[in-house]
Amino acid sequence: MDWAREKVLVIGGSGFLGANIVHHLVATAVAVPGNIRTFSNRASHALDDLPDIERLEGDILDPARLERACEDRTLVFHAAGSTTFDPRLRRQQWMTNVEGTRNVLNAVLASPTVRRLCYTSTVNVLGCPWPDGSIGTEESCNPYTSRPKLHSFSSPEEALALADAVNQGRAPPFWWKRGGLGYFDSKLAAQELVNRAARDQGLDVVSVLPGTCFGPGSENPGPEFLLRAVLENRLPVVPRGGLPLAHVEDVARGLVLAVEKGRSGASYIVSGPPDDNRRFADMARIVAEVIREKEPGRAIRVGFPVIPGVLAWLAASVAEAWQESLGRPFTLSRPAVRMSHYALFYSSGRAAREIGYSPEKSFREAVRAMYESLR
């Protein structure tokens, strides 16, 4: 693929992952900055070093604005979304992740110039790997049948039925309060919209399922909360589960590889090295070790006991009430505790075989870079 000739649109281009996609395109794929357009609903300094990038402001809930963004583009990256685990924001999150993705799909399908869409999904659209601690793949983890079950839907048809009912204004009252993990459900429904567009409308789309991204410029409240809590010795305990950890620059590279080499309609897990499928206690220990490297004179704890699930749930219930009474964003919630009880470990094996993806940076390197950017 000759990136110098491509006209690229990065939806969510001012965000954490989107900005890294843009930087990778310019620095490594040798895309022409003037041929790259970003679409975002907020200002950011993440691309200030690339003044030739065209920046278009807009919301993915505005279909007309999205169609304008797709004008004369040949390739589109959809990297916008809501990752919150705040249960008060479930309706807003659904609209962003599901209806926003529907609008992107419609805009791309209506465009006479766009050849391919790369959709940023998440490993959280997959089922929970079992037994606990095993490594999941795109084939082995089914969100509808795997146990323990972390999604509210029993089939793709059920997910699509709710998505279409919401879109058409015929969903039952308080539909957004169904289930518990708003992020998991909304991203799964959005993925089913993407799959349907590929299957029924012939859309050339490839989906990338990233692990949990760390790195400089992080805007995800979870990674930043972890770093600050360890830095200030405010992390007395950790949950028993774990996550697939990735450096954001590796994930951005994986997205570009998916556009270049991915099969139309396919999904690819893109995460960090196998050893960076880590339990929360291990994650916190590495964060503490990095801080000790950076600040040798600072007293930082490195041992983090695991809290039993019932106690974690009770703590989250109290934290929700306290945070809501103060009008604060939720840094701890019951949905987050439910998710963090399990080891959500995954392999990037398919991406290695089919698109040549291999992570180059470790979680420890990502934490170092994140620490420097947050100083």
Protein backbone atom coordinates (compact mmCIF):
# COMPACT_ATOMS: atom_id res chain seq x y z
CA MET A 1 0.00 0.00 0.00
CA ASP A 2 1.33 3.40 -1.00
CA TRP A 3 0.43 5.57 1.99
CA ALA A 4 1.81 8.66 0.29
CA ARG A 5 -1.12 8.46 -2.13
CA GLU A 6 -3.86 7.62 0.36
CA LYS A 7 -6.36 10.17 1.68
CA VAL A 8 -6.87 9.09 5.29
CA LEU A 9 -9.57 9.96 7.81
CA VAL A 10 -8.96 9.16 11.50
CA ILE A 11 -12.19 9.43 13.48
CA GLY A 12 -11.22 10.18 17.06
CA GLY A 13 -7.88 11.43 15.78
CA SER A 14 -7.30 13.81 18.68
CA GLY A 15 -7.67 11.02 21.24
CA PHE A 16 -5.11 8.72 22.82
CA LEU A 17 -5.14 5.92 20.24
CA GLY A 18 -6.22 8.08 17.30
CA ALA A 19 -3.32 10.48 17.70
CA ASN A 20 -0.91 7.55 17.86
CA ILE A 21 -2.36 6.20 14.61
CA VAL A 22 -1.68 9.57 12.97
CA HIS A 23 1.87 9.74 14.30
CA HIS A 24 2.59 6.20 13.15
CA LEU A 25 1.24 6.92 9.68
CA VAL A 26 3.48 9.96 9.30
CA ALA A 27 6.61 8.64 10.99
CA THR A 28 6.65 5.02 9.80
CA ALA A 29 4.17 4.50 6.97
CA VAL A 30 5.35 7.77 5.36
CA ALA A 31 1.86 9.12 4.85
CA VAL A 32 1.66 12.76 3.77
CA PRO A 33 0.42 14.92 6.69
CA GLY A 34 -1.60 17.07 4.32
CA ASN A 35 -3.46 13.95 3.17
CA ILE A 36 -4.61 13.10 6.71
CA ARG A 37 -7.83 14.45 8.16
CA THR A 38 -8.91 13.96 11.77
CA PHE A 39 -12.46 14.12 13.05
CA SER A 40 -13.09 14.80 16.72
CA ASN A 41 -15.52 16.57 19.01
CA ARG A 42 -12.88 18.18 21.20
CA ALA A 43 -9.64 20.07 21.05
CA SER A 44 -6.34 18.38 21.83
CA HIS A 45 -2.63 19.15 21.78
CA ALA A 46 -1.75 15.59 20.76
CA LEU A 47 -1.09 16.59 17.13
CA ASP A 48 0.41 20.04 17.63
CA ASP A 49 3.68 18.76 16.17
CA LEU A 50 1.88 18.03 12.87
CA PRO A 51 0.43 21.39 11.81
CA ASP A 52 -0.34 20.20 8.26
CA ILE A 53 -2.93 17.70 9.47
CA GLU A 54 -6.45 18.77 8.54
CA ARG A 55 -8.60 18.92 11.67
CA LEU A 56 -12.36 18.72 11.34
CA GLU A 57 -14.49 19.24 14.43
CA GLY A 58 -17.68 17.28 14.80
CA ASP A 59 -19.57 14.60 16.70
CA ILE A 60 -20.05 11.05 15.47
CA LEU A 61 -23.69 11.42 16.46
CA ASP A 62 -24.03 13.96 13.62
CA PRO A 63 -24.49 11.92 10.41
CA ALA A 64 -24.19 14.90 8.05
CA ARG A 65 -20.92 15.99 9.61
CA LEU A 66 -19.55 12.48 9.29
CA GLU A 67 -20.46 12.36 5.60
CA ARG A 68 -18.57 15.63 5.18
CA ALA A 69 -15.56 14.09 6.94
CA CYS A 70 -15.57 11.12 4.53
CA GLU A 71 -15.58 13.29 1.42
CA ASP A 72 -12.66 12.40 -0.91
CA ARG A 73 -11.14 9.96 1.63
CA THR A 74 -9.86 6.54 0.56
CA LEU A 75 -9.22 4.91 3.96
CA VAL A 76 -10.98 5.45 7.30
CA PHE A 77 -9.90 4.55 10.84
CA HIS A 78 -12.73 4.62 13.39
CA ALA A 79 -11.01 5.05 16.76
CA ALA A 80 -13.60 7.09 18.68
CA GLY A 81 -15.51 5.69 21.64
CA SER A 82 -16.40 5.79 25.32
CA THR A 83 -14.51 3.46 27.68
CA THR A 84 -16.08 4.52 30.98
CA PHE A 85 -17.30 2.08 33.62
CA ASP A 86 -19.42 4.76 35.30
CA PRO A 87 -22.94 3.24 35.40
CA ARG A 88 -24.51 6.71 35.30
CA LEU A 89 -23.17 7.17 31.76
CA ARG A 90 -24.49 3.96 30.21
CA ARG A 91 -27.03 5.65 27.94
CA GLN A 92 -24.53 8.22 26.70
CA GLN A 93 -21.92 5.48 26.23
CA TRP A 94 -24.32 3.36 24.18
CA MET A 95 -25.17 6.27 21.92
CA THR A 96 -21.49 7.05 21.33
CA ASN A 97 -20.33 3.48 20.82
CA VAL A 98 -23.33 2.01 19.00
CA GLU A 99 -25.18 4.84 17.26
CA GLY A 100 -21.88 6.59 16.55
CA THR A 101 -20.55 3.45 14.88
CA ARG A 102 -23.80 3.09 12.90
CA ASN A 103 -23.30 6.64 11.62
CA VAL A 104 -19.71 5.88 10.64
CA LEU A 105 -20.80 2.77 8.75
CA ASN A 106 -23.49 4.69 6.89
CA ALA A 107 -21.10 7.51 5.99
CA VAL A 108 -18.49 5.07 4.66
CA LEU A 109 -21.07 3.10 2.70
CA ALA A 110 -22.38 6.34 1.15
CA SER A 111 -18.91 7.51 0.16
CA PRO A 112 -17.88 6.91 -3.47
CA THR A 113 -14.17 7.11 -2.60
CA VAL A 114 -13.63 5.16 0.66
CA ARG A 115 -12.21 1.71 -0.09
CA ARG A 116 -11.71 0.30 3.39
CA LEU A 117 -12.71 0.96 7.01
CA CYS A 118 -10.67 -0.10 10.04
CA TYR A 119 -12.88 -0.37 13.11
CA THR A 120 -11.31 -0.18 16.58
CA SER A 121 -13.17 -2.72 18.67
CA THR A 122 -11.84 -4.24 21.91
CA VAL A 123 -10.95 -7.65 23.34
CA ASN A 124 -13.94 -7.05 25.61
CA VAL A 125 -16.29 -8.09 22.81
CA LEU A 126 -14.96 -11.62 23.33
CA GLY A 127 -16.07 -14.08 25.95
CA CYS A 128 -14.16 -14.61 29.18
CA PRO A 129 -11.29 -17.13 28.76
CA TRP A 130 -11.82 -20.21 30.91
CA PRO A 131 -10.43 -21.83 32.97
CA ASP A 132 -9.25 -18.76 34.81
CA GLY A 133 -5.85 -17.61 33.63
CA SER A 134 -6.01 -19.33 30.25
CA ILE A 135 -5.29 -17.43 27.04
CA GLY A 136 -8.27 -16.65 24.82
CA THR A 137 -8.42 -16.22 21.06
CA GLU A 138 -10.93 -14.92 18.52
CA GLU A 139 -12.11 -18.51 17.97
CA SER A 140 -12.14 -19.85 21.53
CA CYS A 141 -14.04 -17.05 23.28
CA ASN A 142 -17.71 -16.58 22.44
CA PRO A 143 -19.42 -13.67 24.25
CA TYR A 144 -22.80 -15.38 23.96
CA THR A 145 -21.92 -18.83 25.26
CA SER A 146 -18.68 -18.56 27.24
CA ARG A 147 -18.89 -18.84 31.02
CA PRO A 148 -18.58 -16.85 33.21
CA LYS A 149 -20.77 -14.53 31.13
CA LEU A 150 -19.89 -10.83 31.05
CA HIS A 151 -22.35 -9.66 28.37
CA SER A 152 -26.11 -9.23 28.55
CA PHE A 153 -26.96 -10.68 25.14
CA SER A 154 -27.53 -14.34 24.30
CA SER A 155 -27.01 -14.03 20.53
CA PRO A 156 -25.90 -11.61 17.80
CA GLU A 157 -29.55 -11.25 16.83
CA GLU A 158 -30.47 -10.07 20.32
CA ALA A 159 -27.67 -7.47 20.32
CA LEU A 160 -28.73 -6.21 16.90
CA ALA A 161 -32.40 -6.16 17.91
CA LEU A 162 -31.70 -3.78 20.79
CA ALA A 163 -29.40 -1.63 18.67
CA ASP A 164 -32.07 -1.29 15.97
CA ALA A 165 -34.85 -0.67 18.51
CA VAL A 166 -32.88 2.16 20.09
CA ASN A 167 -32.13 3.63 16.67
CA GLN A 168 -35.80 3.50 15.67
CA GLY A 169 -37.13 4.87 18.95
CA ARG A 170 -39.01 1.73 19.96
CA ALA A 171 -36.77 0.42 22.74
CA PRO A 172 -38.47 -0.23 26.11
CA PRO A 173 -38.30 2.47 28.81
CA PHE A 174 -34.92 2.71 30.56
CA TRP A 175 -33.42 0.26 28.10
CA TRP A 176 -29.93 1.47 29.00
CA LYS A 177 -30.26 0.09 32.52
CA ARG A 178 -30.36 -3.51 31.32
CA GLY A 179 -27.28 -5.57 32.07
CA GLY A 180 -24.37 -4.30 34.07
CA LEU A 181 -21.27 -3.77 31.96
CA GLY A 182 -22.20 -0.87 29.72
CA TYR A 183 -18.83 -0.82 27.97
CA PHE A 184 -18.90 -4.54 27.18
CA ASP A 185 -22.50 -4.49 25.90
CA SER A 186 -22.18 -1.33 23.82
CA LYS A 187 -18.97 -2.44 22.14
CA LEU A 188 -20.42 -5.88 21.41
CA ALA A 189 -23.54 -4.36 19.83
CA ALA A 190 -21.35 -2.02 17.78
CA GLN A 191 -19.23 -4.96 16.63
CA GLU A 192 -22.37 -6.76 15.48
CA LEU A 193 -23.34 -3.68 13.44
CA VAL A 194 -19.91 -3.81 11.78
CA ASN A 195 -20.24 -7.56 11.13
CA ARG A 196 -23.69 -7.06 9.58
CA ALA A 197 -22.44 -4.29 7.31
CA ALA A 198 -19.63 -6.56 6.08
CA ARG A 199 -21.93 -9.55 5.63
CA ASP A 200 -25.07 -7.96 4.20
CA GLN A 201 -23.84 -4.77 2.55
CA GLY A 202 -20.45 -5.85 1.29
CA LEU A 203 -18.52 -3.28 3.28
CA ASP A 204 -14.74 -3.77 3.17
CA VAL A 205 -14.01 -3.48 6.88
CA VAL A 206 -11.44 -5.01 9.20
CA SER A 207 -11.84 -4.96 12.99
CA VAL A 208 -8.99 -4.67 15.48
CA LEU A 209 -9.49 -5.80 19.07
CA PRO A 210 -6.86 -4.02 21.21
CA GLY A 211 -5.80 -5.00 24.68
CA THR A 212 -5.64 -2.37 27.45
CA CYS A 213 -3.46 0.45 26.16
CA PHE A 214 -0.81 2.22 28.24
CA GLY A 215 1.65 4.85 27.12
CA PRO A 216 2.34 8.56 26.88
CA GLY A 217 -0.69 10.81 26.61
CA SER A 218 -3.08 8.25 28.09
CA GLU A 219 -6.64 9.52 28.51
CA ASN A 220 -8.08 6.28 29.83
CA PRO A 221 -8.99 6.86 33.50
CA GLY A 222 -8.01 3.32 34.51
CA PRO A 223 -4.29 3.41 33.63
CA GLU A 224 -3.85 6.94 34.94
CA PHE A 225 -5.70 6.06 38.16
CA LEU A 226 -3.42 3.05 38.67
CA LEU A 227 -0.25 5.07 38.19
CA ARG A 228 -1.36 7.90 40.46
CA ALA A 229 -2.68 5.55 43.15
CA VAL A 230 0.65 3.68 43.32
CA LEU A 231 2.61 6.94 43.19
CA GLU A 232 0.69 8.34 46.16
CA ASN A 233 0.51 5.01 48.08
CA ARG A 234 -3.29 5.01 47.78
CA LEU A 235 -3.65 1.46 46.49
CA PRO A 236 -4.01 -0.76 49.57
CA VAL A 237 -5.41 -3.80 47.71
CA VAL A 238 -6.05 -5.00 44.14
CA PRO A 239 -8.68 -7.28 42.54
CA ARG A 240 -7.82 -10.85 41.62
CA GLY A 241 -8.22 -10.60 37.85
CA GLY A 242 -5.98 -9.31 35.12
CA LEU A 243 -5.75 -7.70 31.70
CA PRO A 244 -3.94 -8.03 28.35
CA LEU A 245 -1.60 -5.03 28.41
CA ALA A 246 -0.23 -3.24 25.38
CA HIS A 247 1.87 -0.23 24.50
CA VAL A 248 -0.34 2.17 22.57
CA GLU A 249 2.29 2.58 19.86
CA ASP A 250 2.19 -1.17 19.18
CA VAL A 251 -1.60 -1.07 18.91
CA ALA A 252 -1.46 1.86 16.47
CA ARG A 253 0.99 -0.11 14.34
CA GLY A 254 -1.33 -3.13 14.47
CA LEU A 255 -4.22 -1.05 13.18
CA VAL A 256 -2.17 0.12 10.21
CA LEU A 257 -1.07 -3.45 9.47
CA ALA A 258 -4.71 -4.56 9.58
CA VAL A 259 -5.60 -2.00 6.92
CA GLU A 260 -2.68 -3.12 4.76
CA LYS A 261 -2.99 -6.90 5.12
CA GLY A 262 -6.17 -7.84 6.97
CA ARG A 263 -8.91 -9.99 5.46
CA SER A 264 -12.13 -8.13 4.79
CA GLY A 265 -14.64 -8.92 7.54
CA ALA A 266 -11.99 -10.40 9.85
CA SER A 267 -11.20 -9.46 13.45
CA TYR A 268 -7.70 -9.36 14.95
CA ILE A 269 -6.65 -9.22 18.59
CA VAL A 270 -3.77 -6.74 18.87
CA SER A 271 -2.15 -6.66 22.29
CA GLY A 272 1.23 -6.80 24.00
CA PRO A 273 3.77 -9.61 24.47
CA PRO A 274 2.38 -12.88 25.92
CA ASP A 275 4.08 -12.16 29.27
CA ASP A 276 2.07 -8.94 29.52
CA ASN A 277 -1.14 -10.80 30.18
CA ARG A 278 -0.81 -9.77 33.81
CA ARG A 279 -2.75 -9.95 37.06
CA PHE A 280 -3.52 -6.64 38.74
CA ALA A 281 -1.05 -7.33 41.56
CA ASP A 282 1.69 -7.84 39.00
CA MET A 283 0.67 -4.70 37.11
CA ALA A 284 0.81 -2.61 40.29
CA ARG A 285 4.20 -4.08 41.23
CA ILE A 286 5.70 -3.07 37.87
CA VAL A 287 4.24 0.43 38.18
CA ALA A 288 5.80 0.71 41.65
CA GLU A 289 9.18 -0.50 40.36
CA VAL A 290 9.13 2.06 37.54
CA ILE A 291 8.33 4.88 39.97
CA ARG A 292 11.19 3.74 42.23
CA GLU A 293 13.51 3.87 39.20
CA LYS A 294 12.39 7.41 38.41
CA GLU A 295 12.29 8.65 42.01
CA PRO A 296 14.84 6.64 44.02
CA GLY A 297 14.24 8.66 47.17
CA ARG A 298 10.49 8.17 47.21
CA ALA A 299 8.94 5.57 49.52
CA ILE A 300 6.72 3.42 47.29
CA ARG A 301 5.02 0.20 48.34
CA VAL A 302 5.55 -2.79 46.04
CA GLY A 303 3.30 -5.41 47.68
CA PHE A 304 -0.41 -5.40 46.86
CA PRO A 305 -2.70 -7.93 48.59
CA VAL A 306 -5.66 -9.28 46.62
CA ILE A 307 -9.07 -8.30 47.96
CA PRO A 308 -11.82 -10.96 48.01
CA GLY A 309 -14.55 -10.41 45.45
CA VAL A 310 -17.34 -9.82 47.98
CA LEU A 311 -15.33 -7.16 49.79
CA ALA A 312 -14.43 -5.50 46.50
CA TRP A 313 -18.12 -5.35 45.55
CA LEU A 314 -19.04 -3.80 48.92
CA ALA A 315 -16.21 -1.28 48.63
CA ALA A 316 -17.38 -0.31 45.15
CA SER A 317 -20.95 0.16 46.39
CA VAL A 318 -19.75 2.52 49.12
CA ALA A 319 -17.44 4.31 46.68
CA GLU A 320 -20.27 4.88 44.19
CA ALA A 321 -22.46 6.49 46.86
CA TRP A 322 -19.60 8.65 48.11
CA GLN A 323 -18.50 9.75 44.63
CA GLU A 324 -22.07 10.55 43.59
CA SER A 325 -22.73 12.57 46.76
CA LEU A 326 -19.67 14.71 45.94
CA GLY A 327 -20.51 14.98 42.24
CA ARG A 328 -17.26 13.29 41.25
CA PRO A 329 -16.51 10.96 38.33
CA PHE A 330 -16.53 7.31 39.34
CA THR A 331 -12.99 5.96 39.69
CA LEU A 332 -14.38 2.82 41.35
CA SER A 333 -17.69 1.19 40.43
CA ARG A 334 -19.44 -2.16 40.67
CA PRO A 335 -19.21 -2.79 36.91
CA ALA A 336 -15.46 -2.21 37.05
CA VAL A 337 -15.14 -4.59 40.01
CA ARG A 338 -17.15 -7.25 38.21
CA MET A 339 -14.88 -7.04 35.17
CA SER A 340 -11.69 -7.00 37.25
CA HIS A 341 -12.57 -10.25 39.03
CA TYR A 342 -11.53 -12.27 35.97
CA ALA A 343 -8.25 -12.83 34.16
CA LEU A 344 -9.07 -11.46 30.69
CA PHE A 345 -6.00 -12.78 28.89
CA TYR A 346 -5.78 -13.02 25.09
CA SER A 347 -3.38 -13.94 22.31
CA SER A 348 -2.45 -11.93 19.21
CA GLY A 349 -1.63 -15.15 17.36
CA ARG A 350 -4.03 -14.60 14.46
CA ALA A 351 -2.67 -11.08 13.92
CA ALA A 352 0.86 -12.50 13.90
CA ARG A 353 -0.03 -15.15 11.30
CA GLU A 354 -2.19 -13.06 8.99
CA ILE A 355 -0.95 -9.46 9.15
CA GLY A 356 2.58 -9.87 10.51
CA TYR A 357 1.90 -8.14 13.83
CA SER A 358 4.36 -8.59 16.67
CA PRO A 359 4.51 -6.34 19.74
CA GLU A 360 7.79 -4.48 20.08
CA LYS A 361 7.35 -2.80 23.46
CA SER A 362 6.58 -4.11 26.93
CA PHE A 363 4.13 -2.97 29.57
CA ARG A 364 7.08 -1.76 31.64
CA GLU A 365 8.22 0.48 28.77
CA ALA A 366 4.68 1.80 28.41
CA VAL A 367 4.54 2.68 32.11
CA ARG A 368 7.88 4.48 31.88
CA ALA A 369 6.64 6.55 28.95
CA MET A 370 3.33 7.23 30.68
CA TYR A 371 5.11 8.34 33.86
CA GLU A 372 7.23 10.81 31.91
CA SER A 373 4.21 12.27 30.11
CA LEU A 374 2.28 12.72 33.39
CA ARG A 375 5.09 14.32 35.38
